[in-house]
Amino acid sequence: MATAIKVNDTVAVIAGKEKGKRGRVLRVLPRDEKVIVEKVNFVKRHTKPSQKQRQGGIVEKEGAIHISNVMLWCEQCKKPRRVRTVTAADGSRSRVCTGRTCGQIIRTPK
């Protein structure tokens, strides 16, 4: 399944225990239909000491969220919005906000 969400996009969580939070997409897992969003959905991982990691303990890191629970954030509308793909005359494709008056092209920051 193709997704409109890419790495470094700003997204808003629209469902689940983290509803209302915003963050930058760190990873997209298309096979599992999940995304990992910065500073959202922290999980605790209990680790044992090893050669690589001398100190064991509890490590907190971001967990995956299902892709249906996030939406792209439109900077002009200041809301989470659906997007559509528009093909230009030269064949390039871009994502466009579907807000009534917006229509802004959504670019992925580098």
Protein backbone atom coordinates (compact mmCIF):
# COMPACT_ATOMS: atom_id res chain seq x y z
CA MET A 1 0.00 0.00 0.00
CA ALA A 2 1.41 3.37 -1.01
CA THR A 3 1.49 6.05 1.64
CA ALA A 4 1.43 9.84 1.45
CA ILE A 5 3.49 10.11 4.64
CA LYS A 6 7.25 10.31 4.27
CA VAL A 7 10.27 10.63 6.56
CA ASN A 8 10.68 14.16 8.06
CA ASP A 9 7.02 15.08 7.48
CA THR A 10 5.21 16.78 10.34
CA VAL A 11 2.18 14.75 11.38
CA ALA A 12 -0.56 15.01 13.98
CA VAL A 13 -1.84 12.00 15.90
CA ILE A 14 -5.61 11.80 15.40
CA ALA A 15 -6.47 8.65 17.40
CA GLY A 16 -5.25 6.62 20.34
CA LYS A 17 -3.69 7.50 23.68
CA GLU A 18 -1.37 10.10 22.08
CA LYS A 19 -4.22 11.94 20.30
CA GLY A 20 -3.53 15.64 19.73
CA LYS A 21 0.26 15.42 19.71
CA ARG A 22 2.41 16.49 16.77
CA GLY A 23 5.85 15.36 15.71
CA ARG A 24 8.29 14.63 12.93
CA VAL A 25 8.26 11.21 11.25
CA LEU A 26 11.51 9.35 11.99
CA ARG A 27 10.74 6.12 10.11
CA VAL A 28 8.02 4.72 7.86
CA LEU A 29 7.37 0.98 7.97
CA PRO A 30 5.24 0.41 4.83
CA ARG A 31 5.05 -3.38 5.17
CA ASP A 32 3.54 -3.09 8.65
CA GLU A 33 1.64 0.13 7.78
CA LYS A 34 3.20 1.94 10.74
CA VAL A 35 5.23 5.08 11.40
CA ILE A 36 7.58 6.12 14.18
CA VAL A 37 7.01 9.72 15.26
CA GLU A 38 9.49 11.80 17.26
CA LYS A 39 8.56 12.24 20.97
CA VAL A 40 5.28 10.31 20.60
CA ASN A 41 4.28 6.87 21.94
CA PHE A 42 7.24 6.15 24.20
CA VAL A 43 7.78 2.50 25.12
CA LYS A 44 10.12 1.05 27.73
CA ARG A 45 12.67 -1.56 26.70
CA HIS A 46 14.38 -3.62 29.40
CA THR A 47 17.95 -4.40 28.30
CA LYS A 48 20.62 -6.68 29.70
CA PRO A 49 24.26 -5.63 29.82
CA SER A 50 26.24 -6.86 26.79
CA GLN A 51 29.53 -6.27 24.95
CA LYS A 52 27.90 -3.49 22.94
CA GLN A 53 25.94 -1.88 25.79
CA ARG A 54 27.88 -2.14 29.06
CA GLN A 55 25.08 -0.73 31.18
CA GLY A 56 21.76 -2.58 31.33
CA GLY A 57 18.52 -1.02 32.44
CA ILE A 58 15.31 0.45 31.15
CA VAL A 59 15.58 2.42 27.90
CA GLU A 60 12.74 4.62 26.63
CA LYS A 61 12.28 5.02 22.89
CA GLU A 62 9.54 5.87 20.41
CA GLY A 63 7.19 3.06 19.45
CA ALA A 64 5.38 2.54 16.16
CA ILE A 65 1.90 3.98 15.51
CA HIS A 66 -0.47 2.68 12.86
CA ILE A 67 -0.44 4.93 9.81
CA SER A 68 -4.23 5.38 9.96
CA ASN A 69 -3.84 7.15 13.32
CA VAL A 70 -1.78 10.05 11.93
CA MET A 71 -2.44 12.80 9.38
CA LEU A 72 -0.13 15.24 7.65
CA TRP A 73 0.02 18.68 9.26
CA CYS A 74 -0.61 21.65 6.93
CA GLU A 75 1.41 24.68 8.04
CA GLN A 76 -0.88 27.14 6.26
CA CYS A 77 -4.18 25.73 7.63
CA LYS A 78 -2.63 24.93 11.04
CA LYS A 79 -4.64 21.67 11.04
CA PRO A 80 -4.12 18.02 10.15
CA ARG A 81 -5.33 17.60 6.58
CA ARG A 82 -5.83 14.98 3.92
CA VAL A 83 -3.62 15.31 0.88
CA ARG A 84 -3.96 14.43 -2.76
CA THR A 85 -1.28 13.82 -5.34
CA VAL A 86 -1.14 16.17 -8.32
CA THR A 87 0.89 15.47 -11.44
CA ALA A 88 2.44 18.53 -13.13
CA ALA A 89 2.85 18.97 -16.87
CA ASP A 90 6.52 17.94 -16.67
CA GLY A 91 5.54 14.63 -15.00
CA SER A 92 6.63 15.50 -11.47
CA ARG A 93 4.24 14.66 -8.66
CA SER A 94 3.56 16.69 -5.53
CA ARG A 95 1.29 16.42 -2.51
CA VAL A 96 -1.35 19.12 -2.12
CA CYS A 97 -3.48 20.02 0.92
CA THR A 98 -7.19 19.42 0.39
CA GLY A 99 -8.37 22.33 2.57
CA ARG A 100 -11.14 24.45 1.00
CA THR A 101 -9.07 27.57 0.48
CA CYS A 102 -5.57 26.20 0.99
CA GLY A 103 -4.28 24.00 -1.86
CA GLN A 104 -0.69 24.47 -0.65
CA ILE A 105 1.98 22.06 -1.87
CA ILE A 106 3.33 20.03 1.05
CA ARG A 107 7.07 19.65 0.90
CA THR A 108 9.17 17.33 2.99
CA PRO A 109 11.85 19.24 4.93
CA LYS A 110 15.38 17.87 4.45
